[in-house]
Amino acid sequence: MLRVPLAKPYLSRPWKIQYGWTQATPQNKFLDPAWDRSIAIWPGMVAMKTTGDLVTLVNSTGVPYGFFGNYIGGDGIDELLDANVNALACWVLDPDGEALVQAPAFDTTKTWTDPGNGTVALISASNTGANRGKLVPQGTTGSTRAIARLIRVDSASQLCIGGLQTGDVGASA
């Protein structure tokens, strides 16, 4: 359940699992205490593992681990602070897992195109600046290794993504 401020009853999570009964796993992780909350995190943004069970927003040296399932400052909601716990859900997609991701968890200023020719469009995360952690097309300047593949573009504000499959290349951009 998402507790929203009274002034924002229209909010919902921008991360919605489509095929996940056995294809996606919300792993119990903890927000790295070193994270300074300098960038708001929306569900669907990309996490990287630091030490043990700690995660933080992906950066230029880290490898994408999974997707945040909680608000940590996005839309003025910080579920971890509100509940006075440091635990969070970090979603990891199996090859046949799918999820809907809505803006602002991905960079809407980038061109999102389904190739439509049988090739796979890979998705990375921005690793610098104000868009750090947001999904971007693979190969975007300042992006990480691939973390997912584009299934379809539903609208300018919603993507359907899937887990990486055998043969998908996840090289650093």
Protein backbone atom coordinates (compact mmCIF):
# COMPACT_ATOMS: atom_id res chain seq x y z
CA MET A 1 0.00 0.00 0.00
CA LEU A 2 1.22 3.47 -0.85
CA ARG A 3 0.48 6.16 1.71
CA VAL A 4 0.15 9.43 -0.16
CA PRO A 5 -0.23 12.95 1.17
CA LEU A 6 -3.84 14.14 1.30
CA ALA A 7 -3.05 16.70 -1.40
CA LYS A 8 -1.83 13.96 -3.80
CA PRO A 9 -4.46 11.17 -3.82
CA TYR A 10 -3.87 10.56 -7.55
CA LEU A 11 -0.34 9.15 -7.07
CA SER A 12 0.49 5.53 -7.78
CA ARG A 13 3.76 3.65 -8.11
CA PRO A 14 5.49 4.20 -11.45
CA TRP A 15 6.77 0.57 -11.24
CA LYS A 16 4.21 -2.15 -11.90
CA ILE A 17 5.08 -5.82 -12.36
CA GLN A 18 3.28 -7.43 -15.32
CA TYR A 19 4.76 -10.93 -15.39
CA GLY A 20 6.29 -11.53 -12.02
CA TRP A 21 4.55 -14.37 -10.20
CA THR A 22 7.71 -16.42 -10.68
CA GLN A 23 9.56 -14.14 -13.11
CA ALA A 24 10.56 -11.28 -10.82
CA THR A 25 11.80 -11.20 -7.27
CA PRO A 26 11.49 -8.32 -4.80
CA GLN A 27 14.62 -8.76 -2.74
CA ASN A 28 14.85 -7.34 0.77
CA LYS A 29 17.71 -4.82 0.74
CA PHE A 30 18.67 -1.83 2.85
CA LEU A 31 19.40 1.71 1.72
CA ASP A 32 23.10 2.40 2.17
CA PRO A 33 23.44 4.80 5.15
CA ALA A 34 25.98 6.77 3.08
CA TRP A 35 23.18 7.80 0.66
CA ASP A 36 22.53 11.50 1.25
CA ARG A 37 19.09 11.67 -0.46
CA SER A 38 20.47 14.35 -2.80
CA ILE A 39 18.44 12.89 -5.70
CA ALA A 40 14.84 11.78 -5.29
CA ILE A 41 14.31 8.08 -6.04
CA TRP A 42 11.09 6.87 -7.68
CA PRO A 43 10.07 3.22 -7.89
CA GLY A 44 11.56 1.84 -11.10
CA MET A 45 14.86 3.69 -10.86
CA VAL A 46 18.03 1.60 -10.86
CA ALA A 47 19.87 0.44 -7.75
CA MET A 48 23.40 -0.85 -7.39
CA LYS A 49 24.73 -3.04 -4.60
CA THR A 50 27.38 -1.59 -2.29
CA THR A 51 28.32 -3.97 0.56
CA GLY A 52 26.35 -6.83 2.04
CA ASP A 53 22.63 -6.17 1.60
CA LEU A 54 23.08 -2.41 1.06
CA VAL A 55 22.01 -0.67 -2.13
CA THR A 56 22.19 2.89 -3.41
CA LEU A 57 21.34 4.77 -6.58
CA VAL A 58 23.54 3.56 -9.44
CA ASN A 59 26.58 5.71 -10.25
CA SER A 60 29.39 5.78 -12.82
CA THR A 61 31.42 3.02 -11.14
CA GLY A 62 28.64 0.65 -10.07
CA VAL A 63 26.92 -2.18 -11.89
CA PRO A 64 23.10 -2.13 -12.08
CA TYR A 65 21.58 -4.59 -9.62
CA GLY A 66 17.81 -4.11 -9.72
CA PHE A 67 14.96 -1.63 -9.56
CA PHE A 68 13.85 0.32 -6.50
CA GLY A 69 10.34 -0.60 -5.43
CA ASN A 70 9.89 2.23 -2.93
CA TYR A 71 9.65 5.99 -3.02
CA ILE A 72 12.70 7.58 -1.43
CA GLY A 73 11.97 11.27 -1.87
CA GLY A 74 10.15 11.10 -5.20
CA ASP A 75 6.92 13.11 -5.30
CA GLY A 76 7.73 14.24 -1.76
CA ILE A 77 7.22 10.74 -0.35
CA ASP A 78 9.93 8.87 1.56
CA GLU A 79 8.49 5.51 2.57
CA LEU A 80 11.63 4.51 4.45
CA LEU A 81 11.69 7.64 6.62
CA ASP A 82 7.91 7.54 7.09
CA ALA A 83 8.08 3.95 8.39
CA ASN A 84 11.30 4.58 10.31
CA VAL A 85 12.98 1.55 8.69
CA ASN A 86 15.83 1.22 6.25
CA ALA A 87 14.50 -1.87 4.42
CA LEU A 88 13.30 -1.62 0.84
CA ALA A 89 12.24 -3.80 -2.07
CA CYS A 90 14.77 -4.15 -4.87
CA TRP A 91 13.17 -5.89 -7.86
CA VAL A 92 15.31 -8.21 -9.99
CA LEU A 93 13.81 -9.37 -13.31
CA ASP A 94 14.31 -12.90 -14.61
CA PRO A 95 14.61 -13.27 -18.41
CA ASP A 96 10.84 -13.69 -18.83
CA GLY A 97 9.83 -11.06 -16.25
CA GLU A 98 8.13 -7.86 -17.40
CA ALA A 99 7.26 -4.58 -15.73
CA LEU A 100 5.62 -1.29 -16.66
CA VAL A 101 7.74 1.75 -15.87
CA GLN A 102 6.20 5.20 -15.86
CA ALA A 103 7.82 8.61 -15.91
CA PRO A 104 9.64 10.01 -14.00
CA ALA A 105 11.50 6.70 -13.45
CA PHE A 106 12.81 6.95 -17.02
CA ASP A 107 14.23 9.86 -19.02
CA THR A 108 11.39 11.16 -21.21
CA THR A 109 13.73 13.50 -23.10
CA LYS A 110 15.37 10.49 -24.80
CA THR A 111 14.01 8.83 -27.92
CA TRP A 112 12.34 5.56 -26.99
CA THR A 113 11.77 3.44 -30.09
CA ASP A 114 10.80 -0.20 -30.45
CA PRO A 115 13.03 -1.39 -33.32
CA GLY A 116 10.21 -3.48 -34.79
CA ASN A 117 12.66 -5.62 -36.77
CA GLY A 118 13.42 -8.46 -34.39
CA THR A 119 16.41 -6.80 -32.75
CA VAL A 120 16.56 -6.10 -29.04
CA ALA A 121 16.63 -2.54 -27.70
CA LEU A 122 18.60 -2.63 -24.45
CA ILE A 123 17.98 -0.30 -21.53
CA SER A 124 20.59 1.17 -19.20
CA ALA A 125 20.51 3.74 -16.42
CA SER A 126 21.88 7.24 -16.41
CA ASN A 127 24.80 7.34 -14.00
CA THR A 128 25.40 11.07 -13.57
CA GLY A 129 23.63 14.31 -12.84
CA ALA A 130 19.99 14.93 -12.01
CA ASN A 131 18.88 11.92 -14.11
CA ARG A 132 21.09 9.50 -12.17
CA GLY A 133 19.29 6.18 -11.80
CA LYS A 134 16.66 6.90 -14.46
CA LEU A 135 16.28 4.45 -17.33
CA VAL A 136 17.82 5.50 -20.66
CA PRO A 137 18.39 3.71 -23.98
CA GLN A 138 21.63 1.65 -24.02
CA GLY A 139 24.49 3.67 -25.47
CA THR A 140 23.30 7.00 -24.06
CA THR A 141 26.27 9.09 -22.97
CA GLY A 142 26.80 8.63 -19.24
CA SER A 143 24.91 5.33 -19.01
CA THR A 144 25.59 2.02 -17.30
CA ARG A 145 25.62 -1.55 -18.50
CA ALA A 146 22.28 -2.84 -19.74
CA ILE A 147 19.80 -3.82 -17.04
CA ALA A 148 16.72 -4.63 -19.14
CA ARG A 149 15.32 -4.83 -22.65
CA LEU A 150 12.57 -2.75 -24.18
CA ILE A 151 9.41 -4.77 -24.81
CA ARG A 152 7.27 -1.89 -26.10
CA VAL A 153 6.66 1.84 -25.83
CA ASP A 154 3.11 2.26 -24.55
CA SER A 155 3.15 6.06 -24.51
CA ALA A 156 5.47 9.01 -23.96
CA SER A 157 5.13 8.35 -20.23
CA GLN A 158 5.08 4.53 -20.02
CA LEU A 159 7.43 1.74 -21.14
CA CYS A 160 7.16 -2.02 -20.84
CA ILE A 161 10.53 -3.58 -20.02
CA GLY A 162 11.72 -7.14 -19.64
CA GLY A 163 14.62 -8.96 -18.01
CA LEU A 164 17.78 -9.62 -19.97
CA GLN A 165 17.87 -12.91 -21.86
CA THR A 166 20.70 -15.19 -22.89
CA GLY A 167 22.43 -13.53 -25.82
CA ASP A 168 21.57 -9.97 -24.83
CA VAL A 169 24.78 -7.98 -24.60
CA GLY A 170 25.20 -5.93 -21.43
CA ALA A 171 28.47 -4.19 -22.18
CA SER A 172 29.27 -0.84 -20.63
CA ALA A 173 28.34 2.18 -22.71
